[in-house]
Every structure is written in structure tokens, then in C-alpha cells.
Amino acid sequence: MPSDASDSGLTPLALKLRRAIAERGPIPLHDYMAACLYDPEHGYYRKRNPLGRGGDFITAPEISQVFGELIGLWAAQVWVQMGQPRHVRLIELGPGRGTLMADALRAARVVPGFLQGTAVHLVESSEMLRETQKATLARSSVSVQWHDDLTQVPEGPAIVIANEFLDCLPVRQFVFDGAAKAWRERVVTFSDGDFRLARSAHVAQPPSKAVSHGAPQDGDILEHCPGIAPLVATFAARSADAPLAALAIDYGYTKPAFGETLQAVRHHKFAGLFDAPGQTDLTAHVDFALLAHVAQDAGFDVFGPLTMGEWLLRLGVEARANQLLARASAEEARAIAQSIARLVDPAQMGTLFKVLSWTRGISDPPPPFGGQGWKE
């Protein structure tokens, strides 16, 4: 397609997507989201450092050191429940700037023997973020390795941390056509200089796990994340001969419902779905009911979800905060109190974020779930 004056307002990825639509027709919204985030040339996570004040968003490990410290102690306790295997893989999916892992390793030093047999494996596709992680973990006393994919991590007992990772998995959206009494997939078109959402001309059948309560009405939207099932299948394959415990922390919902959650964020503000493709973050709320179902079907024991606020309080976030407050200046104390409140306050991150764990080869529930296994 020849360039014209309108090209000046389009990002390189937008031009690439426009050409694809011109050649092949409308593309599924799932494919648009995947390209925006992971396109090898222009994807958001390939070329940008999204975290911090200079980025587009901030995550819990960057808000308070206590978050990563408690996860480190959680991992060490799970290792004890595994029977203290001589070697364990501590895996983080989408490790950001490495802050969570650095805080976790520092806190876990108090558990005798844990770090001596621990190797850290970071699953990260962004070369830019890898360099940041290497700097953050430069003084780590344990082995740290990087991988493009979870399947590259060596076999063996594993503890997996996925903090704000699942929300980055592309989603499909289906719109109910009341006249046809059928679902149609949402697609992206390009016309009059803009990308637009449309309904596919073809009838679609949502996956069986993408269920909702009640009869759909015309225009109802059903959202489904197809990446969850293969991810859990990878966990299941590697836990066939060795114990595994996984922990997912993300914003999401626990009851199936109609509606869309796909959102765009740029410079810490909500943006339009088609604003600057490849330069804007796209995420969707995690369907924790789907995640729990898939994990249970794969043979895992599933625990939670708990709200992040309750989970942190049960783990002792207040006690750790009080330790920090005891030796803090007045200004530092205010910052500590504000950061902890941001994590646990129901009006901030405390309720919106959920925590789910699934295990195999471990007899006891991971802390602090107790007997709270997954229930529909």
C-alpha cells in the first residue's frame, strides 16, 4: 500500500497492521492485542520499559519492598512443605525490573538451606527489561538464568511466581447477535484513517470454559483468554515427576459475567484501545474462575482466590511494616504507611487484585490459604 500524508500519524506497528488488514481482511481482536504487545519488531514489551514514573504503570513490588519480601518468605515455606528438595527452581513469569525477586531473595535468607539449593529462572522476552533485571540482581548470591519461554526452564521441583503476568495474555471477545441468536467474534478493521471494532460476519462458538450466568442479550460481550489453558498445561507437564507450586497475583474477577475488561494505559492514564499501537499497554482483567477450573482439570490442588489485601494481611504485612516503621524517620514512616495502604486498602489495590495458588506433589495447603481450596 503506498504511503500518504495520513501515514505521519500512525506508529510503525499501526502501518504494519493496516497493511495486514488490507491484504487479509479484518483481524481478530486477540491478534491485534498480541501484535501490540509482542510483535517482534514493534511490540510494546519488545521495545519499551513500561514500569515506573517514566513508563506507563507501576506494580506492587515497586510500591513497597514488603510485597516482594512476603513472597520470598512464602516461597521458602512452600519449599519446606515440598520436603526441602536439594535443588529447586524459583521461576518468575514477567519479572518487571527484578524488584520483586531481589526483595524475595533478601527476605528468604532467614530460612536455613533454602537459597543454597535455589536457582532463579526469569521468563522474560524483553531484552530491555532483561538488562534492567540483570542490574537489579547483580549482587544476588544465587544463580540467575533468563528464558524466552517457560518450557526452556530445566525440569525439577519448581515454585512459580506470576505477578501481573496473566493480564498481559491476549483475549478474545465474542458479541451476542440477538437476531441470529449466535455469537460473533470481535474483529478489528481499518477505514477512514482509523482502526475500528466490528463483528465478524461468521458465527463463532466460544470455548466451553468461557461460560457466563444467564441468557445473553443482543450486544452482550463474552471475554475469554485462550492463553491460560496452554500455560497451565505446561505447568502440568513439568509437575508430572516433581512437585510444583504456583502463585498468581493480578487484577481480575472470580465470577463469570458478561462484559469487557480490555483496557489501554499510557503514561499512567487510561487511553484509547487504538491509541499509538505498539506504544500503549493493553491488558485485560484475569478470569480467576477460568484459571481455577483449568488448573483443577489438569490435576492440581487449587487454593483461593483471596483478595490481595486479605492475603497480605494473613501473611503478616502489618508486622513487617511495623518493623520498618520502628526505625523510620517521620517522612519515611508516612511513605511506608501510604504504600502498605495502597496494597491492602479495598478502595485501592486490596480488593481489585486477587491471589490464586495451585500445587501438585505437596500435601499441605500453601500459606496463608489454610483449608480454603477452590470452590465454584
Protein backbone atom coordinates (compact mmCIF):
# COMPACT_ATOMS: atom_id res chain seq x y z
CA MET A 1 0.00 0.00 0.00
CA PRO A 2 1.55 3.36 -0.98
CA SER A 3 2.19 5.84 1.79
CA ASP A 4 0.27 9.08 2.01
CA ALA A 5 0.05 12.11 4.26
CA SER A 6 -2.04 10.19 6.78
CA ASP A 7 0.88 7.85 7.48
CA SER A 8 2.55 10.55 9.57
CA GLY A 9 0.03 9.97 12.36
CA LEU A 10 0.47 6.21 12.52
CA THR A 11 3.03 4.24 14.50
CA PRO A 12 5.20 1.69 12.68
CA LEU A 13 3.05 -1.12 14.11
CA ALA A 14 -0.14 0.66 13.03
CA LEU A 15 1.18 0.78 9.47
CA LYS A 16 2.04 -2.91 9.65
CA LEU A 17 -1.42 -3.80 10.94
CA ARG A 18 -3.10 -1.61 8.33
CA ARG A 19 -1.27 -3.48 5.60
CA ALA A 20 -2.28 -6.83 7.10
CA ILE A 21 -5.94 -5.83 7.21
CA ALA A 22 -5.80 -4.51 3.63
CA GLU A 23 -4.31 -7.81 2.44
CA ARG A 24 -6.27 -10.33 4.51
CA GLY A 25 -9.33 -8.53 5.83
CA PRO A 26 -10.36 -7.83 9.45
CA ILE A 27 -8.18 -9.42 12.14
CA PRO A 28 -9.47 -10.88 15.45
CA LEU A 29 -9.17 -8.52 18.40
CA HIS A 30 -7.00 -11.20 20.04
CA ASP A 31 -4.47 -10.92 17.20
CA TYR A 32 -4.49 -7.13 17.41
CA MET A 33 -3.70 -7.28 21.15
CA ALA A 34 -0.99 -9.90 20.59
CA ALA A 35 0.67 -7.75 17.92
CA CYS A 36 0.50 -4.61 20.04
CA LEU A 37 2.24 -6.32 22.95
CA TYR A 38 4.54 -8.89 21.36
CA ASP A 39 5.21 -8.07 17.70
CA PRO A 40 8.93 -8.93 17.21
CA GLU A 41 9.68 -5.57 15.60
CA HIS A 42 7.34 -3.07 17.22
CA GLY A 43 5.60 -4.76 20.16
CA TYR A 44 5.15 -2.84 23.40
CA TYR A 45 7.07 -5.34 25.53
CA ARG A 46 9.83 -5.73 22.96
CA LYS A 47 10.92 -2.11 22.81
CA ARG A 48 9.79 -0.29 25.94
CA ASN A 49 10.45 -0.18 29.66
CA PRO A 50 6.86 0.21 30.86
CA LEU A 51 7.47 0.49 34.60
CA GLY A 52 7.97 3.44 36.91
CA ARG A 53 7.28 7.14 36.68
CA GLY A 54 8.83 7.36 33.24
CA GLY A 55 6.78 4.42 31.98
CA ASP A 56 3.08 3.70 31.85
CA PHE A 57 2.25 1.90 35.10
CA ILE A 58 3.60 0.80 38.47
CA THR A 59 3.29 -2.65 40.04
CA ALA A 60 3.06 -3.81 43.67
CA PRO A 61 6.79 -4.66 44.05
CA GLU A 62 7.64 -1.08 43.09
CA ILE A 63 5.17 0.29 45.64
CA SER A 64 6.61 -1.45 48.71
CA GLN A 65 9.55 -3.73 49.42
CA VAL A 66 7.30 -5.65 51.81
CA PHE A 67 5.37 -7.15 48.90
CA GLY A 68 8.38 -8.99 47.48
CA GLU A 69 9.69 -9.86 50.94
CA LEU A 70 6.48 -11.66 51.86
CA ILE A 71 6.54 -13.55 48.56
CA GLY A 72 10.10 -14.64 49.31
CA LEU A 73 9.04 -15.99 52.70
CA TRP A 74 6.03 -17.64 51.06
CA ALA A 75 8.31 -19.40 48.58
CA ALA A 76 10.65 -20.57 51.33
CA GLN A 77 7.75 -22.02 53.32
CA VAL A 78 6.47 -23.83 50.24
CA TRP A 79 9.96 -25.28 49.78
CA VAL A 80 9.76 -26.62 53.34
CA GLN A 81 6.36 -28.15 52.53
CA MET A 82 7.93 -29.82 49.49
CA GLY A 83 10.30 -31.64 51.82
CA GLN A 84 13.21 -29.23 51.31
CA PRO A 85 14.42 -30.66 47.98
CA ARG A 86 18.13 -30.20 47.41
CA HIS A 87 17.52 -28.24 44.22
CA VAL A 88 14.50 -26.08 43.41
CA ARG A 89 13.71 -23.75 40.51
CA LEU A 90 12.35 -20.40 41.64
CA ILE A 91 10.61 -19.16 38.48
CA GLU A 92 9.13 -15.72 37.85
CA LEU A 93 7.00 -15.00 34.81
CA GLY A 94 7.27 -11.41 33.60
CA PRO A 95 9.68 -10.22 36.32
CA GLY A 96 9.46 -6.49 35.56
CA ARG A 97 12.58 -4.72 36.76
CA GLY A 98 13.62 -7.59 39.01
CA THR A 99 12.49 -5.74 42.12
CA LEU A 100 10.17 -8.48 43.39
CA MET A 101 12.83 -11.16 43.04
CA ALA A 102 15.52 -9.03 44.70
CA ASP A 103 13.27 -8.36 47.70
CA ALA A 104 12.17 -12.00 47.83
CA LEU A 105 15.72 -13.34 47.87
CA ARG A 106 16.77 -10.88 50.56
CA ALA A 107 13.90 -11.91 52.84
CA ALA A 108 14.29 -15.64 52.18
CA ARG A 109 17.82 -15.66 53.59
CA VAL A 110 16.33 -16.16 57.06
CA VAL A 111 15.12 -19.68 56.13
CA PRO A 112 18.08 -22.05 56.56
CA GLY A 113 19.06 -24.00 53.46
CA PHE A 114 16.54 -22.50 51.05
CA LEU A 115 18.83 -20.31 48.97
CA GLN A 116 21.67 -22.84 48.96
CA GLY A 117 19.70 -25.09 46.64
CA THR A 118 17.74 -22.44 44.76
CA ALA A 119 18.30 -21.39 41.15
CA VAL A 120 16.31 -18.41 39.88
CA HIS A 121 14.79 -18.62 36.40
CA LEU A 122 13.27 -15.47 34.90
CA VAL A 123 10.95 -15.82 31.92
CA GLU A 124 11.33 -12.54 30.04
CA SER A 125 11.04 -11.76 26.34
CA SER A 126 12.14 -8.11 26.51
CA GLU A 127 15.87 -7.54 26.06
CA MET A 128 15.50 -4.07 27.58
CA LEU A 129 13.89 -5.42 30.74
CA ARG A 130 16.44 -8.24 30.92
CA GLU A 131 19.24 -5.68 31.15
CA THR A 132 17.39 -3.89 33.96
CA GLN A 133 16.82 -7.19 35.78
CA LYS A 134 20.49 -8.10 35.46
CA ALA A 135 21.46 -4.82 37.08
CA THR A 136 18.91 -5.25 39.88
CA LEU A 137 20.07 -8.80 40.64
CA ALA A 138 23.78 -8.24 40.02
CA ARG A 139 24.65 -8.92 43.66
CA SER A 140 22.41 -11.94 44.04
CA SER A 141 24.03 -14.88 45.78
CA VAL A 142 22.06 -17.43 43.74
CA SER A 143 22.26 -18.48 40.12
CA VAL A 144 20.00 -16.42 37.82
CA GLN A 145 19.11 -17.52 34.29
CA TRP A 146 16.85 -15.96 31.67
CA HIS A 147 14.46 -17.70 29.27
CA ASP A 148 12.12 -16.66 26.49
CA ASP A 149 9.58 -19.29 27.46
CA LEU A 150 8.60 -21.39 30.47
CA THR A 151 9.29 -24.59 28.54
CA GLN A 152 13.01 -23.69 28.50
CA VAL A 153 13.32 -23.88 32.29
CA PRO A 154 15.04 -27.15 33.39
CA GLU A 155 12.87 -29.83 34.96
CA GLY A 156 12.75 -30.35 38.71
CA PRO A 157 10.88 -29.07 41.77
CA ALA A 158 9.54 -25.62 40.98
CA ILE A 159 7.99 -22.60 42.66
CA VAL A 160 6.41 -20.22 40.15
CA ILE A 161 5.52 -16.56 40.72
CA ALA A 162 3.29 -14.72 38.25
CA ASN A 163 2.66 -11.17 39.43
CA GLU A 164 0.70 -9.10 36.90
CA PHE A 165 1.60 -11.53 34.14
CA LEU A 166 -1.71 -13.12 33.20
CA ASP A 167 -3.37 -9.76 32.48
CA CYS A 168 -0.96 -9.41 29.54
CA LEU A 169 -2.21 -12.56 27.81
CA PRO A 170 -4.31 -11.58 24.74
CA VAL A 171 -8.05 -12.16 24.99
CA ARG A 172 -10.80 -13.00 22.53
CA GLN A 173 -14.12 -11.19 22.65
CA PHE A 174 -17.44 -12.55 21.41
CA VAL A 175 -20.53 -10.40 20.85
CA PHE A 176 -24.01 -11.93 21.01
CA ASP A 177 -26.11 -11.34 17.91
CA GLY A 178 -29.70 -11.31 19.16
CA ALA A 179 -31.23 -11.55 15.69
CA ALA A 180 -29.20 -14.62 14.75
CA LYS A 181 -29.15 -15.95 18.34
CA ALA A 182 -25.46 -16.66 17.91
CA TRP A 183 -22.06 -15.37 18.98
CA ARG A 184 -19.77 -13.48 16.61
CA GLU A 185 -16.11 -12.76 17.32
CA ARG A 186 -14.95 -9.18 17.66
CA VAL A 187 -12.52 -8.10 14.95
CA VAL A 188 -10.50 -5.01 14.07
CA THR A 189 -10.95 -3.18 10.77
CA PHE A 190 -9.35 -0.07 9.29
CA SER A 191 -11.32 2.61 7.48
CA ASP A 192 -11.29 6.40 7.06
CA GLY A 193 -7.85 6.58 8.68
CA ASP A 194 -8.78 4.77 11.88
CA PHE A 195 -8.90 1.30 13.39
CA ARG A 196 -12.39 0.23 14.42
CA LEU A 197 -14.09 -2.64 16.23
CA ALA A 198 -16.59 -4.75 14.30
CA ARG A 199 -18.39 -8.08 14.49
CA SER A 200 -17.21 -10.93 12.32
CA ALA A 201 -19.60 -11.94 9.59
CA HIS A 202 -19.15 -15.55 10.66
CA VAL A 203 -20.85 -17.25 13.58
CA ALA A 204 -18.39 -18.27 16.32
CA GLN A 205 -18.57 -20.75 19.17
CA PRO A 206 -16.92 -19.55 22.39
CA PRO A 207 -14.81 -22.19 24.17
CA SER A 208 -16.73 -24.32 26.65
CA LYS A 209 -14.83 -22.82 29.58
CA ALA A 210 -15.91 -19.29 28.57
CA VAL A 211 -19.26 -19.53 30.31
CA SER A 212 -21.47 -16.95 31.95
CA HIS A 213 -24.57 -16.84 34.10
CA GLY A 214 -27.88 -16.07 32.50
CA ALA A 215 -29.13 -15.91 28.94
CA PRO A 216 -27.18 -13.47 26.73
CA GLN A 217 -28.91 -10.45 25.24
CA ASP A 218 -28.11 -8.68 22.00
CA GLY A 219 -24.80 -6.89 22.30
CA ASP A 220 -23.57 -8.82 25.35
CA ILE A 221 -19.81 -9.42 25.30
CA LEU A 222 -18.06 -12.57 26.44
CA GLU A 223 -14.32 -12.34 27.05
CA HIS A 224 -12.01 -15.35 27.04
CA CYS A 225 -8.25 -15.76 27.46
CA PRO A 226 -7.08 -18.70 25.31
CA GLY A 227 -3.52 -18.49 26.67
CA ILE A 228 -4.44 -19.79 30.13
CA ALA A 229 -5.01 -23.42 29.12
CA PRO A 230 -1.63 -23.99 27.39
CA LEU A 231 0.18 -22.22 30.23
CA VAL A 232 -1.41 -24.49 32.82
CA ALA A 233 -0.69 -27.49 30.57
CA THR A 234 3.00 -26.56 30.69
CA PHE A 235 2.83 -26.47 34.49
CA ALA A 236 1.13 -29.86 34.48
CA ALA A 237 3.75 -31.42 32.21
CA ARG A 238 6.67 -30.28 34.32
CA SER A 239 4.97 -31.32 37.60
CA ALA A 240 4.37 -34.91 36.47
CA ASP A 241 7.61 -36.05 38.12
CA ALA A 242 8.42 -33.22 40.54
CA PRO A 243 6.46 -31.04 42.98
CA LEU A 244 5.28 -27.63 41.80
CA ALA A 245 3.60 -24.66 43.46
CA ALA A 246 2.40 -21.64 41.51
CA LEU A 247 1.18 -18.26 42.70
CA ALA A 248 -0.76 -15.83 40.51
CA ILE A 249 -1.41 -12.24 41.64
CA ASP A 250 -3.36 -9.97 39.34
CA TYR A 251 -6.39 -7.77 38.99
CA GLY A 252 -9.39 -9.76 37.97
CA TYR A 253 -12.78 -11.26 38.78
CA THR A 254 -13.96 -14.50 40.33
CA LYS A 255 -17.48 -14.96 38.92
CA PRO A 256 -18.28 -15.46 35.23
CA ALA A 257 -20.07 -12.44 33.79
CA PHE A 258 -20.79 -10.69 30.54
CA GLY A 259 -18.78 -7.58 29.79
CA GLU A 260 -15.40 -6.44 28.51
CA THR A 261 -12.34 -5.59 30.58
CA LEU A 262 -9.75 -4.93 27.88
CA GLN A 263 -8.10 -1.59 28.58
CA ALA A 264 -5.28 0.61 27.35
CA VAL A 265 -2.89 2.60 29.55
CA ARG A 266 -0.27 5.14 28.57
CA HIS A 267 1.73 7.47 30.81
CA HIS A 268 -0.22 6.27 33.87
CA LYS A 269 -3.56 7.28 32.31
CA PHE A 270 -6.27 5.33 30.51
CA ALA A 271 -6.02 5.61 26.75
CA GLY A 272 -7.99 4.53 23.71
CA LEU A 273 -7.69 0.95 22.51
CA PHE A 274 -6.26 2.13 19.18
CA ASP A 275 -4.06 4.94 20.51
CA ALA A 276 -0.46 4.53 19.30
CA PRO A 277 -0.41 0.75 18.68
CA GLY A 278 2.82 -0.77 19.99
CA GLN A 279 3.43 2.20 22.27
CA THR A 280 0.44 1.73 24.59
CA ASP A 281 -0.05 -1.03 27.16
CA LEU A 282 -3.06 -3.32 26.67
CA THR A 283 -4.31 -5.57 29.47
CA ALA A 284 -7.46 -7.46 30.43
CA HIS A 285 -8.75 -8.49 33.83
CA VAL A 286 -7.96 -12.09 34.73
CA ASP A 287 -10.81 -14.60 34.87
CA PHE A 288 -9.78 -16.37 38.07
CA ALA A 289 -12.69 -18.78 37.83
CA LEU A 290 -11.43 -19.94 34.45
CA LEU A 291 -7.86 -20.22 35.77
CA ALA A 292 -9.03 -22.26 38.75
CA HIS A 293 -11.17 -24.56 36.57
CA VAL A 294 -8.34 -25.22 34.12
CA ALA A 295 -5.81 -25.87 36.90
CA GLN A 296 -8.19 -28.22 38.70
CA ASP A 297 -8.95 -30.10 35.47
CA ALA A 298 -5.19 -30.51 34.98
CA GLY A 299 -4.89 -32.32 38.31
CA PHE A 300 -3.71 -29.50 40.56
CA ASP A 301 -4.94 -28.69 44.04
CA VAL A 302 -6.25 -25.13 43.78
CA PHE A 303 -6.42 -22.60 46.61
CA GLY A 304 -8.17 -19.26 46.73
CA PRO A 305 -8.65 -16.84 45.28
CA LEU A 306 -8.24 -14.41 48.13
CA THR A 307 -8.23 -10.68 47.70
CA MET A 308 -4.68 -9.36 47.74
CA GLY A 309 -5.44 -7.29 50.83
CA GLU A 310 -6.58 -10.31 52.82
CA TRP A 311 -3.71 -12.43 51.51
CA LEU A 312 -1.10 -9.88 52.55
CA LEU A 313 -2.70 -9.34 55.96
CA ARG A 314 -2.72 -13.08 56.61
CA LEU A 315 0.95 -13.28 55.64
CA GLY A 316 1.86 -10.62 58.19
CA VAL A 317 2.19 -7.42 56.19
CA GLU A 318 1.36 -5.30 59.23
CA ALA A 319 4.05 -6.92 61.39
CA ARG A 320 6.70 -6.37 58.70
CA ALA A 321 5.53 -2.78 58.18
CA ASN A 322 5.84 -2.14 61.92
CA GLN A 323 9.43 -3.38 61.83
CA LEU A 324 10.21 -0.84 59.13
CA LEU A 325 8.31 1.92 60.91
CA ALA A 326 10.29 1.36 64.12
CA ARG A 327 13.47 2.66 62.51
CA ALA A 328 11.97 5.13 60.03
CA SER A 329 12.02 8.91 60.05
CA ALA A 330 8.71 10.76 60.12
CA GLU A 331 8.82 11.26 56.35
CA GLU A 332 9.79 7.63 55.74
CA ALA A 333 7.01 6.46 58.06
CA ARG A 334 4.39 8.36 56.05
CA ALA A 335 5.68 6.80 52.83
CA ILE A 336 5.65 3.30 54.35
CA ALA A 337 2.12 3.71 55.68
CA GLN A 338 0.87 5.05 52.36
CA SER A 339 2.47 2.21 50.38
CA ILE A 340 1.03 -0.52 52.62
CA ALA A 341 -2.39 1.11 52.50
CA ARG A 342 -2.23 1.19 48.72
CA LEU A 343 -1.66 -2.58 48.66
CA VAL A 344 -4.30 -3.66 51.19
CA ASP A 345 -6.97 -0.93 51.15
CA PRO A 346 -10.15 -2.25 49.47
CA ALA A 347 -10.60 1.15 47.82
CA GLN A 348 -7.15 0.89 46.19
CA MET A 349 -5.49 -2.42 45.19
CA GLY A 350 -6.64 -4.58 48.09
CA THR A 351 -9.87 -5.92 46.59
CA LEU A 352 -9.41 -5.49 42.84
CA PHE A 353 -6.30 -7.70 42.94
CA LYS A 354 -6.73 -11.41 43.65
CA VAL A 355 -4.33 -14.21 44.62
CA LEU A 356 -4.68 -17.84 43.49
CA SER A 357 -2.33 -20.77 44.07
CA TRP A 358 -2.20 -24.25 42.58
CA THR A 359 0.05 -27.10 43.66
CA ARG A 360 0.92 -30.70 42.91
CA GLY A 361 3.11 -33.05 44.96
CA ILE A 362 2.61 -31.04 48.17
CA SER A 363 0.35 -32.38 50.91
CA ASP A 364 -0.37 -29.16 52.79
CA PRO A 365 -2.08 -26.00 51.50
CA PRO A 366 0.39 -23.19 50.77
CA PRO A 367 0.33 -20.29 53.22
CA PRO A 368 -1.87 -18.50 54.07
CA PHE A 369 -4.78 -20.30 52.38
CA GLY A 370 -5.30 -22.95 55.07
CA GLY A 371 -8.19 -25.17 54.03
CA GLN A 372 -9.55 -22.66 51.52
CA GLY A 373 -9.49 -24.76 48.39
CA TRP A 374 -11.18 -23.58 45.21
CA LYS A 375 -14.98 -23.69 45.27
CA GLU A 376 -17.28 -22.58 42.49
